[in-house]
Amino acid sequence: GWMEGITIRRPRIATGVTPNDEILRIESGGRLDMFHCVFDNRGSVGNCVSVGSNAGGRWDNATINGGSKDKHGLFVEKNARVELIDVSFYGRSPLSSQSW
């Protein structure tokens, strides 16, 4: 798939509900290319974006914000491939991958 110019943020943070699910998860074998997108997971306790095994994409000029204790802004599973071009990460634990 393809995304351009989209902002996705965690809704209703002020309610005190803190979901564990990712804002975006690319399942095993999936592909998502994106340009100029923002993912804002501040206030949640889960990963912001997860990329499943054998999934991937090309991400250009994106921002990933969020990552909490023991979770990450971007979590990349084994055998996934993501090309990151001018991608900014903010938050507690911005990037992680499973060991190969």
N, C-alpha and C. Protein backbone atom coordinates (compact mmCIF):
# COMPACT_ATOMS: atom_id res chain seq x y z
N GLY A 1 0.81 -1.17 0.00
CA GLY A 1 0.00 0.00 0.00
C GLY A 1 0.87 1.26 0.00
N TRP A 2 0.19 2.40 -0.04
CA TRP A 2 0.86 3.70 -0.11
C TRP A 2 0.12 4.71 0.76
N MET A 3 0.87 5.52 1.49
CA MET A 3 0.30 6.62 2.28
C MET A 3 1.12 7.87 1.99
N GLU A 4 0.43 9.00 1.86
CA GLU A 4 1.13 10.27 1.68
C GLU A 4 0.41 11.37 2.45
N GLY A 5 1.18 12.11 3.27
CA GLY A 5 0.65 13.27 3.97
C GLY A 5 -0.39 12.96 5.04
N ILE A 6 -0.28 11.82 5.69
CA ILE A 6 -1.25 11.39 6.69
C ILE A 6 -0.66 11.56 8.09
N THR A 7 -1.47 12.07 9.03
CA THR A 7 -1.08 12.12 10.45
C THR A 7 -2.01 11.18 11.21
N ILE A 8 -1.42 10.25 11.96
CA ILE A 8 -2.19 9.33 12.79
C ILE A 8 -1.70 9.54 14.22
N ARG A 9 -2.64 9.84 15.11
CA ARG A 9 -2.27 10.06 16.51
C ARG A 9 -3.20 9.25 17.40
N ARG A 10 -2.75 9.03 18.62
CA ARG A 10 -3.54 8.29 19.60
C ARG A 10 -4.66 9.20 20.11
N PRO A 11 -5.93 8.84 19.90
CA PRO A 11 -7.02 9.69 20.34
C PRO A 11 -7.32 9.54 21.84
N ARG A 12 -8.00 10.50 22.38
CA ARG A 12 -8.54 10.50 23.74
C ARG A 12 -7.51 10.21 24.83
N ILE A 13 -6.34 10.75 24.73
CA ILE A 13 -5.32 10.55 25.76
C ILE A 13 -5.81 11.10 27.11
N ALA A 14 -6.54 12.19 27.08
CA ALA A 14 -7.00 12.83 28.32
C ALA A 14 -7.97 11.97 29.13
N THR A 15 -8.57 10.95 28.52
CA THR A 15 -9.53 10.10 29.23
C THR A 15 -8.87 9.17 30.22
N GLY A 16 -7.56 9.01 30.11
CA GLY A 16 -6.84 8.10 31.01
C GLY A 16 -6.77 6.68 30.48
N VAL A 17 -7.39 6.41 29.34
CA VAL A 17 -7.31 5.08 28.71
C VAL A 17 -5.99 5.00 27.95
N THR A 18 -5.17 4.00 28.28
CA THR A 18 -3.87 3.87 27.61
C THR A 18 -3.81 2.52 26.88
N PRO A 19 -4.15 2.49 25.61
CA PRO A 19 -4.16 1.25 24.84
C PRO A 19 -2.75 0.68 24.65
N ASN A 20 -2.68 -0.64 24.51
CA ASN A 20 -1.42 -1.33 24.26
C ASN A 20 -1.15 -1.58 22.79
N ASP A 21 -2.14 -1.41 21.94
CA ASP A 21 -1.99 -1.73 20.52
C ASP A 21 -1.18 -0.67 19.80
N GLU A 22 -0.55 -1.10 18.71
CA GLU A 22 0.19 -0.18 17.85
C GLU A 22 -0.79 0.75 17.13
N ILE A 23 -0.28 1.90 16.73
CA ILE A 23 -1.05 2.76 15.84
C ILE A 23 -1.08 2.13 14.46
N LEU A 24 0.05 1.55 14.06
CA LEU A 24 0.14 0.91 12.74
C LEU A 24 0.92 -0.39 12.89
N ARG A 25 0.38 -1.46 12.32
CA ARG A 25 1.08 -2.74 12.28
C ARG A 25 1.02 -3.25 10.86
N ILE A 26 2.18 -3.52 10.28
CA ILE A 26 2.26 -4.12 8.96
C ILE A 26 2.49 -5.61 9.19
N GLU A 27 1.50 -6.41 8.82
CA GLU A 27 1.54 -7.84 9.08
C GLU A 27 2.58 -8.54 8.22
N SER A 28 2.91 -9.77 8.59
CA SER A 28 3.90 -10.58 7.88
C SER A 28 3.59 -10.62 6.38
N GLY A 29 4.61 -10.33 5.59
CA GLY A 29 4.47 -10.36 4.15
C GLY A 29 3.89 -9.09 3.54
N GLY A 30 3.43 -8.14 4.38
CA GLY A 30 2.83 -6.90 3.87
C GLY A 30 3.88 -5.86 3.49
N ARG A 31 3.44 -4.86 2.76
CA ARG A 31 4.34 -3.78 2.37
C ARG A 31 3.56 -2.47 2.42
N LEU A 32 4.20 -1.43 2.99
CA LEU A 32 3.61 -0.10 3.01
C LEU A 32 4.70 0.92 2.74
N ASP A 33 4.54 1.66 1.65
CA ASP A 33 5.43 2.78 1.34
C ASP A 33 4.73 4.05 1.80
N MET A 34 5.51 4.99 2.31
CA MET A 34 4.89 6.23 2.77
C MET A 34 5.82 7.41 2.53
N PHE A 35 5.19 8.59 2.37
CA PHE A 35 5.91 9.84 2.20
C PHE A 35 5.22 10.90 3.03
N HIS A 36 5.99 11.59 3.84
CA HIS A 36 5.54 12.73 4.64
C HIS A 36 4.36 12.38 5.54
N CYS A 37 4.55 11.36 6.40
CA CYS A 37 3.52 10.93 7.34
C CYS A 37 4.02 11.10 8.77
N VAL A 38 3.07 11.23 9.71
CA VAL A 38 3.39 11.40 11.12
C VAL A 38 2.59 10.36 11.92
N PHE A 39 3.28 9.67 12.83
CA PHE A 39 2.66 8.72 13.75
C PHE A 39 2.97 9.20 15.16
N ASP A 40 1.94 9.57 15.90
CA ASP A 40 2.12 10.14 17.23
C ASP A 40 1.43 9.26 18.26
N ASN A 41 2.22 8.56 19.06
CA ASN A 41 1.71 7.60 20.03
C ASN A 41 1.94 8.06 21.46
N ARG A 42 2.19 9.35 21.66
CA ARG A 42 2.43 9.85 23.02
C ARG A 42 1.25 9.53 23.91
N GLY A 43 1.54 9.10 25.12
CA GLY A 43 0.50 8.81 26.09
C GLY A 43 0.05 7.37 26.09
N SER A 44 0.57 6.55 25.18
CA SER A 44 0.20 5.14 25.13
C SER A 44 1.33 4.30 25.70
N VAL A 45 1.07 3.03 25.96
CA VAL A 45 2.10 2.17 26.53
C VAL A 45 2.59 1.12 25.54
N GLY A 46 2.14 1.13 24.31
CA GLY A 46 2.56 0.14 23.32
C GLY A 46 3.57 0.69 22.34
N ASN A 47 4.01 -0.18 21.41
CA ASN A 47 4.84 0.29 20.30
C ASN A 47 4.00 1.25 19.46
N CYS A 48 4.67 2.17 18.77
CA CYS A 48 3.96 3.08 17.88
C CYS A 48 3.69 2.38 16.54
N VAL A 49 4.74 1.85 15.91
CA VAL A 49 4.62 1.16 14.62
C VAL A 49 5.38 -0.15 14.73
N SER A 50 4.77 -1.24 14.25
CA SER A 50 5.44 -2.55 14.22
C SER A 50 5.41 -3.08 12.79
N VAL A 51 6.54 -3.67 12.39
CA VAL A 51 6.65 -4.25 11.06
C VAL A 51 6.91 -5.74 11.25
N GLY A 52 5.99 -6.58 10.74
CA GLY A 52 6.06 -8.02 10.92
C GLY A 52 7.12 -8.69 10.08
N SER A 53 7.35 -9.95 10.37
CA SER A 53 8.33 -10.77 9.67
C SER A 53 8.06 -10.77 8.17
N ASN A 54 9.11 -10.59 7.37
CA ASN A 54 9.04 -10.56 5.90
C ASN A 54 8.16 -9.43 5.37
N ALA A 55 7.89 -8.42 6.18
CA ALA A 55 7.14 -7.25 5.73
C ALA A 55 8.12 -6.10 5.53
N GLY A 56 7.64 -4.99 5.01
CA GLY A 56 8.54 -3.87 4.87
C GLY A 56 7.94 -2.71 4.11
N GLY A 57 8.82 -1.86 3.61
CA GLY A 57 8.39 -0.70 2.85
C GLY A 57 9.50 0.33 2.75
N ARG A 58 9.20 1.40 2.06
CA ARG A 58 10.12 2.53 1.92
C ARG A 58 9.42 3.74 2.53
N TRP A 59 10.04 4.31 3.56
CA TRP A 59 9.44 5.43 4.28
C TRP A 59 10.34 6.65 4.10
N ASP A 60 9.77 7.71 3.57
CA ASP A 60 10.52 8.92 3.25
C ASP A 60 9.86 10.12 3.95
N ASN A 61 10.68 10.86 4.70
CA ASN A 61 10.23 12.09 5.36
C ASN A 61 9.06 11.82 6.31
N ALA A 62 9.25 10.89 7.22
CA ALA A 62 8.21 10.53 8.19
C ALA A 62 8.69 10.87 9.60
N THR A 63 7.73 10.97 10.53
CA THR A 63 8.02 11.22 11.93
C THR A 63 7.30 10.17 12.76
N ILE A 64 8.05 9.54 13.68
CA ILE A 64 7.48 8.55 14.59
C ILE A 64 7.74 9.04 16.00
N ASN A 65 6.66 9.30 16.74
CA ASN A 65 6.76 9.88 18.07
C ASN A 65 6.03 8.97 19.06
N GLY A 66 6.75 8.53 20.05
CA GLY A 66 6.12 7.68 21.06
C GLY A 66 7.00 6.48 21.32
N GLY A 67 6.73 5.66 22.09
CA GLY A 67 7.62 4.64 22.59
C GLY A 67 7.61 4.86 24.08
N SER A 68 7.32 3.83 24.77
CA SER A 68 7.18 3.95 26.22
C SER A 68 8.11 2.94 26.87
N LYS A 69 8.05 2.82 28.16
CA LYS A 69 8.91 1.89 28.88
C LYS A 69 8.76 0.49 28.29
N ASP A 70 9.87 -0.10 27.87
CA ASP A 70 9.93 -1.44 27.30
C ASP A 70 9.21 -1.57 25.96
N LYS A 71 8.80 -0.49 25.35
CA LYS A 71 8.18 -0.49 24.02
C LYS A 71 8.92 0.51 23.16
N HIS A 72 8.58 0.59 21.87
CA HIS A 72 9.42 1.34 20.94
C HIS A 72 8.59 2.18 19.97
N GLY A 73 9.23 3.19 19.42
CA GLY A 73 8.59 3.97 18.36
C GLY A 73 8.40 3.11 17.13
N LEU A 74 9.45 2.39 16.73
CA LEU A 74 9.38 1.47 15.59
C LEU A 74 9.97 0.14 16.03
N PHE A 75 9.19 -0.93 15.91
CA PHE A 75 9.66 -2.27 16.23
C PHE A 75 9.65 -3.08 14.94
N VAL A 76 10.81 -3.62 14.57
CA VAL A 76 10.97 -4.37 13.32
C VAL A 76 11.26 -5.82 13.66
N GLU A 77 10.37 -6.73 13.23
CA GLU A 77 10.54 -8.15 13.51
C GLU A 77 11.59 -8.78 12.58
N LYS A 78 12.00 -9.97 12.93
CA LYS A 78 13.01 -10.71 12.19
C LYS A 78 12.61 -10.84 10.72
N ASN A 79 13.59 -10.64 9.84
CA ASN A 79 13.45 -10.75 8.39
C ASN A 79 12.59 -9.65 7.76
N ALA A 80 12.24 -8.62 8.51
CA ALA A 80 11.52 -7.49 7.93
C ALA A 80 12.55 -6.52 7.33
N ARG A 81 12.10 -5.73 6.37
CA ARG A 81 13.01 -4.78 5.74
C ARG A 81 12.28 -3.46 5.52
N VAL A 82 12.81 -2.40 6.15
CA VAL A 82 12.23 -1.08 6.01
C VAL A 82 13.34 -0.11 5.62
N GLU A 83 13.17 0.57 4.50
CA GLU A 83 14.12 1.58 4.06
C GLU A 83 13.67 2.92 4.64
N LEU A 84 14.51 3.53 5.48
CA LEU A 84 14.17 4.78 6.15
C LEU A 84 14.98 5.92 5.55
N ILE A 85 14.30 6.91 5.00
CA ILE A 85 14.95 8.06 4.38
C ILE A 85 14.42 9.31 5.06
N ASP A 86 15.29 10.04 5.74
CA ASP A 86 14.90 11.27 6.44
C ASP A 86 13.72 11.03 7.38
N VAL A 87 13.82 9.97 8.20
CA VAL A 87 12.78 9.64 9.18
C VAL A 87 13.26 10.09 10.56
N SER A 88 12.42 10.81 11.29
CA SER A 88 12.76 11.30 12.62
C SER A 88 12.04 10.47 13.67
N PHE A 89 12.77 10.16 14.76
CA PHE A 89 12.21 9.40 15.86
C PHE A 89 12.29 10.23 17.12
N TYR A 90 11.20 10.25 17.90
CA TYR A 90 11.16 10.95 19.17
C TYR A 90 10.53 10.03 20.20
N GLY A 91 10.96 10.16 21.44
CA GLY A 91 10.35 9.38 22.50
C GLY A 91 11.39 8.62 23.29
N ARG A 92 10.91 7.79 24.18
CA ARG A 92 11.76 7.11 25.15
C ARG A 92 12.67 6.06 24.53
N SER A 93 12.15 5.20 23.70
CA SER A 93 12.92 4.11 23.10
C SER A 93 12.56 4.06 21.62
N PRO A 94 13.25 4.83 20.79
CA PRO A 94 12.76 5.05 19.45
C PRO A 94 12.79 3.86 18.49
N LEU A 95 13.78 2.97 18.57
CA LEU A 95 13.92 1.96 17.52
C LEU A 95 14.39 0.65 18.11
N SER A 96 13.80 -0.46 17.66
CA SER A 96 14.23 -1.77 18.13
C SER A 96 13.95 -2.81 17.05
N SER A 97 14.74 -3.87 17.07
CA SER A 97 14.49 -4.99 16.17
C SER A 97 14.76 -6.29 16.90
N GLN A 98 14.09 -7.36 16.44
CA GLN A 98 14.37 -8.67 17.00
C GLN A 98 15.73 -9.12 16.52
N SER A 99 16.42 -9.90 17.34
CA SER A 99 17.71 -10.39 16.89
C SER A 99 17.53 -11.43 15.81
N TRP A 100 18.45 -11.43 14.90
CA TRP A 100 18.34 -12.35 13.78
C TRP A 100 18.85 -13.68 14.23
